[in-house]
Protein backbone atom coordinates (compact mmCIF):
# COMPACT_ATOMS: atom_id res chain seq x y z
CA MET A 1 80.63 91.47 69.15
CA THR A 2 83.68 89.56 68.78
CA LEU A 3 86.14 92.22 70.65
CA ALA A 4 86.15 92.73 74.08
CA LEU A 5 88.44 95.10 76.02
CA ILE A 6 89.00 94.69 80.16
CA HIS A 7 90.47 96.65 82.39
CA SER A 8 93.24 95.34 84.75
CA ARG A 9 96.67 96.11 85.94
CA ALA A 10 100.13 94.67 86.58
CA ARG A 11 102.29 94.49 89.50
CA LEU A 12 105.66 96.47 89.09
CA GLY A 13 107.27 97.12 92.81
CA LEU A 14 104.69 99.62 94.34
CA GLN A 15 103.41 100.61 90.76
CA ALA A 16 100.56 99.40 89.12
CA PRO A 17 100.93 99.89 85.53
CA ALA A 18 97.49 99.59 83.71
CA VAL A 19 97.11 96.49 81.32
CA THR A 20 93.93 96.37 78.78
CA ILE A 21 93.04 92.90 78.15
CA GLU A 22 92.01 92.33 74.45
CA VAL A 23 89.63 89.27 73.62
CA HIS A 24 88.99 88.64 70.02
CA LEU A 25 87.40 85.56 68.59
CA SER A 26 87.33 84.90 64.93
CA ALA A 27 87.02 81.87 62.52
CA GLY A 28 89.47 79.57 62.03
CA LEU A 29 90.71 76.20 63.84
CA PRO A 30 89.27 76.37 67.73
CA GLY A 31 92.25 77.51 69.95
CA PHE A 32 93.36 79.59 72.79
CA GLN A 33 96.20 81.73 72.34
CA LEU A 34 97.55 84.31 74.93
CA VAL A 35 99.99 86.61 73.85
CA GLY A 36 101.65 89.87 75.68
CA LEU A 37 104.88 88.83 77.58
CA ALA A 38 103.13 86.64 79.97
CA GLU A 39 104.82 84.37 82.35
CA THR A 40 104.18 80.81 83.11
CA THR A 41 101.72 81.58 85.68
CA VAL A 42 99.83 83.70 83.29
CA ARG A 43 100.15 81.64 80.31
CA GLU A 44 98.48 78.68 82.60
CA ALA A 45 95.23 81.17 82.94
CA ARG A 46 93.80 79.26 79.61
CA ASP A 47 92.99 76.11 81.43
CA ARG A 48 91.65 77.41 84.27
CA VAL A 49 89.66 80.12 82.76
CA ARG A 50 88.45 77.10 80.34
CA SER A 51 87.60 74.81 83.00
CA ALA A 52 85.94 77.50 85.27
CA LEU A 53 83.60 78.71 82.24
CA LEU A 54 82.52 75.29 81.71
CA THR A 55 82.05 74.18 85.21
CA CYS A 56 79.88 77.05 85.83
CA GLY A 57 77.75 76.56 82.82
CA PHE A 58 79.19 79.36 80.62
CA ASP A 59 79.04 78.49 76.67
CA PHE A 60 82.84 78.56 76.04
CA PRO A 61 83.38 79.76 72.34
CA ASP A 62 84.03 77.00 69.86
CA ARG A 63 86.29 79.61 67.73
CA LYS A 64 89.97 80.76 67.71
CA ILE A 65 90.48 82.77 70.94
CA ILE A 66 93.43 85.34 71.09
CA VAL A 67 93.83 87.20 74.17
CA ASN A 68 96.69 90.10 74.01
CA LEU A 69 97.75 91.69 77.50
CA ALA A 70 98.61 95.06 76.43
CA PRO A 71 101.31 96.87 76.48
CA ALA A 72 103.13 93.93 74.92
CA ASP A 73 106.59 95.06 76.63
CA LEU A 74 105.25 95.39 80.18
CA PRO A 75 106.04 91.80 82.16
CA LYS A 76 102.89 89.93 83.51
CA GLU A 77 103.02 87.68 86.18
CA GLY A 78 100.56 85.86 88.77
CA GLY A 79 97.31 84.54 88.40
CA ARG A 80 95.49 88.06 88.99
CA PHE A 81 94.46 88.16 85.12
CA ASP A 82 92.36 84.72 85.21
CA LEU A 83 88.83 86.70 85.78
CA PRO A 84 89.58 89.75 83.49
CA ILE A 85 90.40 86.77 80.88
CA ALA A 86 87.32 84.74 81.43
CA ILE A 87 84.77 87.98 81.83
CA GLY A 88 86.57 89.33 78.62
CA ILE A 89 85.59 85.86 77.10
CA LEU A 90 81.93 86.11 77.64
CA VAL A 91 81.84 89.76 76.71
CA ALA A 92 83.20 88.91 73.47
CA SER A 93 80.91 85.81 72.82
CA GLY A 94 77.85 88.21 73.95
CA GLN A 95 77.10 86.28 77.18
CA LEU A 96 77.64 89.67 78.73
CA PRO A 97 77.04 93.22 77.59
CA ALA A 98 80.07 95.46 77.05
CA ALA A 99 78.81 98.90 78.73
CA ALA A 100 78.76 96.57 82.16
CA VAL A 101 82.38 96.31 82.49
CA ALA A 102 83.79 99.58 80.84
CA ASP A 103 84.35 101.47 84.11
CA THR A 104 85.35 98.48 86.19
CA GLU A 105 89.22 96.90 86.67
CA PHE A 106 88.67 93.37 87.50
CA TYR A 107 91.31 90.97 89.54
CA GLY A 108 91.42 87.58 90.59
CA GLU A 109 92.71 83.84 89.91
CA LEU A 110 90.03 81.34 88.94
CA ALA A 111 89.75 78.09 90.64
CA LEU A 112 88.49 75.54 88.19
CA SER A 113 84.95 75.20 89.95
CA GLY A 114 84.81 79.13 89.21
CA GLU A 115 85.79 80.18 93.02
CA ILE A 116 87.72 83.50 92.95
CA ARG A 117 91.02 83.31 94.80
CA PRO A 118 92.93 86.00 96.28
CA ILE A 119 95.63 87.75 94.91
CA VAL A 120 99.05 90.32 95.88
CA GLY A 121 98.95 93.76 96.11
CA GLU A 122 95.18 95.07 96.48
CA ILE A 123 96.41 98.39 98.17
CA PRO A 124 98.39 99.72 95.01
CA LEU A 125 95.71 98.59 92.64
CA ALA A 126 93.07 100.51 94.43
CA LEU A 127 95.30 103.57 94.80
CA ALA A 128 95.95 103.50 91.14
CA ALA A 129 91.87 102.88 90.43
CA GLN A 130 91.45 105.62 92.63
CA GLN A 131 93.29 107.92 89.97
CA ALA A 132 91.84 106.53 87.17
CA GLY A 133 88.07 107.36 88.72
CA ARG A 134 87.29 103.11 88.32
CA ALA A 135 85.62 100.87 90.29
CA LEU A 136 87.63 97.80 91.58
CA LEU A 137 86.54 94.04 91.34
CA LEU A 138 88.69 91.90 93.64
CA PRO A 139 88.72 88.81 95.46
CA MET A 140 86.54 89.01 98.90
CA PRO A 141 89.77 88.96 101.36
CA ASN A 142 91.50 91.58 99.06
CA ALA A 143 88.51 94.02 98.81
CA SER A 144 88.14 94.02 102.50
CA ILE A 145 91.55 95.39 102.84
CA ALA A 146 91.10 97.84 99.61
CA ARG A 147 88.47 99.56 101.23
CA GLN A 148 90.68 101.27 103.80
CA VAL A 149 91.74 103.58 100.44
CA PRO A 150 89.48 106.24 100.18
CA ASP A 151 87.25 107.83 97.42
CA VAL A 152 87.38 104.24 95.31
CA LEU A 153 84.52 101.66 94.69
CA VAL A 154 85.57 98.58 95.72
CA LEU A 155 83.62 95.52 94.97
CA GLY A 156 84.08 91.92 96.61
CA ALA A 157 83.32 88.43 94.89
CA SER A 158 83.72 84.82 95.71
CA HIS A 159 82.88 82.96 93.08
CA LEU A 160 82.53 83.88 88.77
CA LEU A 161 78.79 83.35 88.93
CA GLN A 162 78.42 86.26 91.51
CA VAL A 163 80.02 88.40 89.11
CA HIS A 164 78.33 87.56 86.32
CA SER A 165 74.87 88.11 88.03
CA HIS A 166 76.04 91.51 89.27
CA LEU A 167 77.15 92.55 86.03
CA LEU A 168 73.85 91.44 84.54
CA ALA A 169 72.18 93.86 87.31
CA GLN A 170 70.24 90.70 88.46
CA GLN A 171 72.00 90.25 92.03
CA PRO A 172 74.18 93.08 93.65
CA LEU A 173 77.60 91.77 95.10
CA PRO A 174 77.43 90.82 98.80
CA ALA A 175 78.41 93.42 101.46
CA ILE A 176 82.04 93.87 101.94
CA PRO A 177 83.29 92.85 105.56
CA VAL A 178 84.86 95.91 107.94
CA LEU A 179 88.32 95.01 108.90
CA PRO A 180 88.58 95.92 112.65
CA HIS A 181 90.82 98.69 113.41
CA ALA A 182 90.33 99.48 116.87
CA ALA A 183 93.32 101.21 118.78
CA THR A 184 94.69 99.27 121.38
CA PRO A 185 98.01 100.12 123.57
CA SER A 186 100.65 98.34 123.31
CA PRO A 187 101.16 95.33 125.67
CA LEU A 188 104.93 96.19 126.20
CA CYS A 189 105.63 99.15 128.76
CA LEU A 190 108.49 100.77 129.45
CA SER A 191 108.00 100.48 133.28
CA ASP A 192 108.53 96.73 132.99
CA VAL A 193 112.43 97.78 132.66
CA LYS A 194 113.81 98.14 135.91
CA GLY A 195 116.50 101.11 136.25
CA GLN A 196 118.40 102.13 133.00
CA GLN A 197 117.07 105.66 133.42
CA HIS A 198 119.31 106.91 131.08
CA ALA A 199 118.45 104.27 128.25
CA LYS A 200 114.95 105.16 128.95
CA ARG A 201 115.73 108.90 128.17
CA ALA A 202 117.61 108.25 124.80
CA LEU A 203 114.69 106.06 124.04
CA GLU A 204 112.26 109.20 124.28
CA ILE A 205 114.88 111.42 122.42
CA ALA A 206 114.97 109.05 119.58
CA ALA A 207 111.26 108.71 119.68
CA CYS A 208 110.46 112.12 119.41
CA GLY A 209 112.89 113.11 116.58
CA SER A 210 113.17 109.86 114.53
CA HIS A 211 116.61 109.24 115.72
CA ASN A 212 118.60 106.01 115.05
CA LEU A 213 119.77 104.57 118.11
CA LEU A 214 122.49 102.01 119.22
CA PHE A 215 122.44 99.94 122.68
CA TYR A 216 125.60 98.03 123.87
CA GLY A 217 126.27 96.32 127.01
CA PRO A 218 126.61 93.25 128.79
CA PRO A 219 124.11 90.48 128.37
CA GLY A 220 120.56 90.81 130.08
CA THR A 221 121.28 94.48 130.94
CA GLY A 222 117.48 94.97 128.79
CA LYS A 223 118.79 96.31 125.70
CA SER A 224 116.21 94.09 123.75
CA MET A 225 113.37 94.63 126.25
CA LEU A 226 114.06 98.88 125.58
CA ALA A 227 114.11 98.53 121.90
CA GLN A 228 111.18 96.37 121.96
CA ARG A 229 109.25 99.03 123.25
CA LEU A 230 110.15 101.91 121.16
CA ALA A 231 107.03 101.55 118.75
CA GLY A 232 104.72 101.73 122.06
CA ILE A 233 105.68 105.49 122.40
CA LEU A 234 105.97 106.32 118.72
CA PRO A 235 103.39 108.62 117.54
CA PRO A 236 100.82 106.89 115.56
CA LEU A 237 100.65 106.82 111.82
CA THR A 238 98.92 109.27 109.76
CA PHE A 239 96.58 107.86 107.30
CA HIS A 240 98.71 108.53 104.26
CA GLU A 241 101.58 106.78 106.29
CA ALA A 242 99.52 104.05 107.27
CA LEU A 243 98.33 103.45 103.59
CA GLU A 244 102.19 103.46 102.55
CA SER A 245 102.63 100.66 105.13
CA ALA A 246 99.72 98.63 104.13
CA ALA A 247 100.66 98.74 100.50
CA ILE A 248 103.84 97.29 101.49
CA TYR A 249 102.56 94.55 103.15
CA SER A 250 100.22 93.95 100.44
CA ILE A 251 102.59 93.52 97.69
CA ALA A 252 104.70 91.14 100.10
CA ALA A 253 101.82 89.20 101.16
CA LEU A 254 101.82 89.66 104.19
CA PRO A 255 98.96 90.19 106.57
CA ALA A 256 97.72 93.84 107.42
CA ALA A 257 98.53 94.89 111.20
CA ALA A 258 95.47 94.68 113.27
CA ASP A 259 96.09 98.28 114.41
CA PHE A 260 95.72 99.99 111.12
CA ARG A 261 97.60 103.18 112.71
CA ARG A 262 100.41 101.29 114.79
CA ARG A 263 103.87 101.81 113.71
CA PRO A 264 105.32 98.70 112.09
CA PHE A 265 108.21 96.88 114.11
CA ARG A 266 110.47 94.35 112.22
CA GLN A 267 113.22 92.25 113.90
CA PRO A 268 115.14 90.23 111.33
CA HIS A 269 117.12 87.27 112.82
CA HIS A 270 121.30 88.07 112.07
CA THR A 271 121.60 85.03 109.84
CA SER A 272 119.09 87.25 107.46
CA SER A 273 120.65 87.65 103.83
CA ALA A 274 121.12 90.92 102.12
CA PRO A 275 117.89 90.20 99.93
CA ALA A 276 116.13 89.59 103.00
CA LEU A 277 116.91 92.67 104.43
CA ALA A 278 117.09 95.04 101.54
CA GLY A 279 114.66 93.27 99.44
CA GLY A 280 115.29 91.52 96.05
CA GLY A 281 114.32 88.11 94.10
CA THR A 282 114.02 87.53 90.52
CA LEU A 283 110.84 89.58 90.96
CA PRO A 284 111.85 92.26 93.23
CA LYS A 285 109.93 92.43 96.93
CA PRO A 286 110.25 94.26 99.57
CA GLY A 287 112.62 93.32 102.14
CA GLU A 288 112.81 94.25 106.03
CA ILE A 289 113.94 97.83 105.46
CA SER A 290 110.76 98.39 103.57
CA LEU A 291 108.62 96.37 105.78
CA ALA A 292 109.75 98.67 108.54
CA HIS A 293 108.79 101.82 106.36
CA HIS A 294 107.30 104.70 108.81
CA GLY A 295 108.41 102.09 111.94
CA VAL A 296 111.26 100.56 113.51
CA LEU A 297 113.60 98.17 112.41
CA PHE A 298 115.40 96.31 115.14
CA LEU A 299 118.67 94.52 114.73
CA ASP A 300 119.78 92.48 117.75
CA GLU A 301 123.42 91.09 118.03
CA LEU A 302 124.48 93.77 115.57
CA PRO A 303 127.93 91.96 114.85
CA GLU A 304 126.64 88.72 114.17
CA PHE A 305 125.38 89.84 111.04
CA GLN A 306 127.38 89.94 108.08
CA ARG A 307 129.13 92.91 107.25
CA HIS A 308 128.04 93.27 103.59
CA VAL A 309 124.49 92.74 104.96
CA LEU A 310 124.93 95.81 107.42
CA ASP A 311 126.26 98.01 104.76
CA ALA A 312 123.08 97.59 102.53
CA LEU A 313 121.56 99.85 105.06
CA ARG A 314 124.24 102.70 104.46
CA GLU A 315 122.31 104.19 101.50
CA PRO A 316 118.73 103.62 102.75
CA LEU A 317 119.51 105.34 106.17
CA GLU A 318 120.20 108.36 104.01
CA THR A 319 117.62 108.63 101.12
CA GLY A 320 114.98 106.53 102.64
CA LEU A 321 114.55 104.56 99.61
CA VAL A 322 115.93 101.35 98.09
CA HIS A 323 116.65 100.47 94.56
CA ILE A 324 116.90 96.92 93.06
CA SER A 325 117.94 96.42 89.59
CA ARG A 326 117.53 92.86 88.08
CA ALA A 327 118.14 91.55 84.52
CA GLY A 328 114.98 92.96 83.24
CA ARG A 329 113.41 94.32 86.31
CA GLN A 330 113.79 97.10 88.38
CA ALA A 331 112.02 98.37 91.34
CA GLU A 332 112.14 101.34 94.04
CA PHE A 333 110.75 100.84 97.43
CA PRO A 334 110.41 103.39 100.35
CA ALA A 335 112.20 102.46 103.35
CA GLN A 336 112.23 105.45 105.75
CA PHE A 337 113.04 103.33 108.88
CA GLN A 338 114.01 104.17 112.54
CA LEU A 339 117.16 101.72 113.21
CA VAL A 340 117.73 100.44 116.60
CA ALA A 341 120.30 98.18 117.30
CA ALA A 342 122.00 96.24 120.33
CA LEU A 343 125.17 94.58 120.66
CA ASN A 344 127.64 93.04 123.29
CA PRO A 345 130.86 94.95 123.03
CA SER A 346 132.86 91.65 123.59
CA PRO A 347 132.80 88.15 122.06
CA SER A 348 132.89 87.17 125.30
CA GLY A 349 129.68 89.34 126.33
CA HIS A 350 131.37 92.18 128.17
CA HIS A 351 134.54 93.96 127.05
CA LEU A 352 135.72 94.37 130.94
CA ASP A 353 135.29 90.37 131.66
CA GLY A 354 138.87 89.82 130.90
CA ARG A 355 138.07 86.79 128.54
CA ALA A 356 139.10 88.63 125.34
CA SER A 357 142.07 90.93 124.24
CA LYS A 358 141.47 94.39 123.04
CA ALA A 359 142.60 93.21 119.87
CA GLU A 360 140.12 90.32 119.89
CA ILE A 361 137.30 92.55 120.86
CA LEU A 362 138.08 95.43 118.16
CA ARG A 363 138.25 92.49 115.36
CA TYR A 364 134.88 91.80 116.83
CA LEU A 365 133.46 95.31 116.56
CA ALA A 366 135.28 95.69 113.19
CA ARG A 367 132.39 93.42 111.88
CA ILE A 368 130.06 96.79 111.87
CA SER A 369 131.82 99.40 109.28
CA GLY A 370 132.68 102.96 110.79
CA PRO A 371 130.24 104.52 107.95
CA LEU A 372 127.32 102.54 109.38
CA THR A 373 128.04 103.67 112.89
CA ASP A 374 128.24 107.28 111.95
CA ARG A 375 125.06 107.20 110.61
CA ILE A 376 123.25 106.43 114.35
CA ASP A 377 122.66 109.41 116.13
CA LEU A 378 122.42 108.03 119.54
CA GLN A 379 125.06 105.49 121.25
CA LEU A 380 125.06 104.80 124.70
CA GLU A 381 126.08 102.10 127.10
CA VAL A 382 123.52 99.87 129.08
CA PRO A 383 125.42 98.68 132.26
CA LEU A 384 124.58 96.00 134.60
CA LEU A 385 122.19 97.26 137.25
CA PRO A 386 123.68 97.89 140.60
CA ALA A 387 123.49 95.53 143.47
CA GLY A 388 120.07 95.08 144.64
CA GLY A 389 118.50 96.36 141.37
CA LEU A 390 116.76 92.95 140.09
CA SER A 391 115.11 92.61 143.34
CA GLN A 392 113.19 95.70 143.19
CA SER A 393 109.76 96.02 142.18
CA SER A 394 109.26 97.59 138.46
CA SER A 395 108.71 101.40 138.61
CA GLY A 396 109.03 104.42 136.75
CA GLU A 397 106.89 106.11 134.17
CA THR A 398 104.61 104.13 131.91
CA SER A 399 104.91 104.00 128.01
CA GLU A 400 101.67 106.22 127.92
CA THR A 401 103.25 108.92 129.74
CA ILE A 402 106.32 109.17 127.80
CA ALA A 403 104.16 108.74 124.64
CA ALA A 404 102.42 112.00 125.34
CA ARG A 405 105.94 114.02 125.95
CA VAL A 406 106.85 112.40 122.53
CA LEU A 407 103.67 113.31 120.78
CA ALA A 408 103.99 117.04 121.88
CA GLY A 409 107.54 117.29 121.25
CA ARG A 410 107.06 115.63 117.77
CA GLU A 411 104.12 118.35 117.18
CA HIS A 412 106.52 121.26 117.86
CA GLN A 413 108.67 119.64 114.67
CA LEU A 414 105.86 119.39 112.52
CA GLN A 415 104.52 122.81 113.08
CA ARG A 416 108.12 124.18 112.65
CA GLN A 417 109.42 122.39 109.65
CA GLY A 418 106.86 119.88 108.82
CA LYS A 419 109.30 116.84 109.47
CA PRO A 420 111.05 115.17 112.16
CA ASN A 421 114.45 116.70 113.09
CA ALA A 422 116.28 113.54 112.03
CA ARG A 423 115.33 113.76 108.40
CA LEU A 424 116.41 117.61 108.01
CA SER A 425 118.87 118.60 105.44
CA SER A 426 121.84 120.78 106.31
CA ALA A 427 120.40 123.95 104.87
CA GLU A 428 116.63 122.98 106.72
CA LEU A 429 119.16 122.74 110.23
CA GLU A 430 120.48 126.45 109.51
CA GLN A 431 117.07 127.70 108.81
CA TYR A 432 114.88 126.22 111.20
CA CYS A 433 117.47 125.39 114.07
CA PRO A 434 120.17 128.01 114.21
CA LEU A 435 122.95 128.00 116.62
CA GLN A 436 124.14 130.79 118.27
CA SER A 437 127.90 131.26 117.18
CA ALA A 438 129.58 130.16 120.65
CA ASP A 439 127.36 127.21 120.46
CA SER A 440 128.21 126.38 117.09
CA ALA A 441 131.98 126.79 117.96
CA PHE A 442 131.84 125.02 121.21
CA LEU A 443 130.26 121.93 119.26
CA GLU A 444 132.69 122.14 116.24
CA GLN A 445 135.39 121.97 118.98
CA ALA A 446 133.88 119.01 121.01
CA VAL A 447 133.51 117.24 117.28
CA SER A 448 137.39 117.81 116.44
CA GLN A 449 138.57 116.60 119.99
CA LEU A 450 136.37 113.36 119.97
CA GLN A 451 137.48 112.88 116.37
CA LEU A 452 134.14 112.71 114.75
CA SER A 453 132.79 113.22 111.11
CA SER A 454 130.89 116.44 109.54
CA ARG A 455 127.98 114.10 109.39
CA SER A 456 128.42 113.50 113.05
CA PHE A 457 128.26 117.26 113.87
CA HIS A 458 124.91 117.34 112.17
CA LYS A 459 123.69 114.33 114.01
CA LEU A 460 124.73 116.08 117.18
CA TRP A 461 122.91 119.24 116.16
CA LYS A 462 119.64 117.57 115.40
CA VAL A 463 119.61 115.22 118.86
CA ALA A 464 120.04 118.66 120.59
CA ARG A 465 117.18 120.27 118.85
CA THR A 466 115.19 117.11 119.75
CA ILE A 467 116.06 117.76 123.36
CA ALA A 468 114.87 121.48 123.36
CA ASP A 469 111.62 120.44 121.73
CA LEU A 470 111.07 117.74 124.63
CA ALA A 471 111.49 120.37 127.03
CA GLY A 472 109.58 123.04 125.08
CA ASP A 473 112.29 125.32 124.49
CA PRO A 474 112.55 127.31 121.44
CA SER A 475 115.94 127.59 120.86
CA ILE A 476 118.79 125.14 121.34
CA ASP A 477 121.29 126.15 124.52
CA ARG A 478 124.37 124.68 125.53
CA PRO A 479 122.72 122.31 128.42
CA HIS A 480 121.16 120.46 125.12
CA LEU A 481 124.28 120.22 123.23
CA LEU A 482 126.20 118.79 126.42
CA GLU A 483 123.20 116.12 126.65
CA ALA A 484 123.50 115.51 123.04
CA LEU A 485 127.37 114.86 123.59
CA SER A 486 126.81 112.13 126.29
CA TYR A 487 125.38 109.94 123.81
CA ARG A 488 128.21 109.18 121.63
CA ALA A 489 129.49 106.31 124.00
CA PHE A 490 130.11 103.79 121.32
CA ASP A 491 132.85 106.17 119.54
CA LYS A 492 134.51 106.41 123.23
CA LEU A 493 134.45 102.82 123.85
CA LEU A 494 136.31 102.48 120.31
CA ARG A 495 138.92 104.95 121.27
CA TYR A 496 139.22 102.98 124.48
CA LEU A 497 140.03 100.06 122.82
CA ARG A 498 142.62 101.47 120.12
CA ASP A 499 144.75 103.39 123.24
């Protein structure tokens, strides 16, 4: 047989488009030609494959070899096609039977010794192979991660000779090691934070309804400690959400989390660029907001970020998606994250310390655009502790206790509307969370007096619904609305500074 067809896939964001590797042997001057819009790393496979086959003792055909990566208009990059090209040459030259490779997809970068090295993006490959009904042969480190995808046969190999023996039914491939996924409690507990009961209550509401949250206050009041403990009280990821998160980490070539069901927590430094935050690059890769998908994105020292970097968050906060367009490459990544931000209300640390004028403070806070703060549901001050507060021993409820209430409230939301309150549209709010006419008029009047936007009206409505869910109340009442209005402290700070 002089023609072989091998199944594989390329990488295009979170998608894994199919690639058919056609290997043809023909008469003529010996040569090795690779076509099909292959980038440099793929074209270099010619030398890697030739050396690996010869090192392993296989016959390298002394003929004209043409390898076509179809479809021709799909860009291919990386070393993942080394193994399928080598298998294709073995099939085309009669050293392997064609039937043995018909229902399997192959991936792996080859060392000159024939060793199979890991690739990037095994979770999207496994999901695509599941849909196609094929088995998946991956480098062993990738195979152990891809096993998390259900209903797909995943095979793992460390050397080309192992693959050859397996395809000839001489010796099966070794068993794939199972990754440990023991559910371990977070080492960060809210009981470690002294005082700040109002902030802890806001954190509980944010976790229950998946609301965005802003803490402001002087340095050292516990803003970062509170934010870092949010992930510990969030409900665990569902299996589908965990797979989505694992797929993003997979294509970003980052190690999987030790706890498969724990929500991701990302804390980029304030010097991060817009592509680092939103994603980008010549070959589009996910940024921090996508790595925080179904988890928490914590931005400490918010005004220290460049304004155009922060404004890159505005669209993903609304849509839960980020679109990246480059010349010849487009990609879409999910970005349904929960934003938690912290800031000092003055460049000197405290807006009441007398070291900065109101104009200087406003100029400092103006680095955060109004449309961005308008998308943050809960905004509150974390004040200095009263005298004697620091010397008191840690007390208060543990994260485990609060997490149980959060989970109960979240279950109410999922039973009622199938999603957290923060993700409800205006029409869904009216359908699932109706307000009494008097309460609706009260809320509208409050929004008008506080000079808030129409978006803030709906944000307050959603927060009130979450407060009612935590209390187990079936309807939204006036006390729930009043508590929701108390979490607009940053808007009040800006009005105070402008007066």
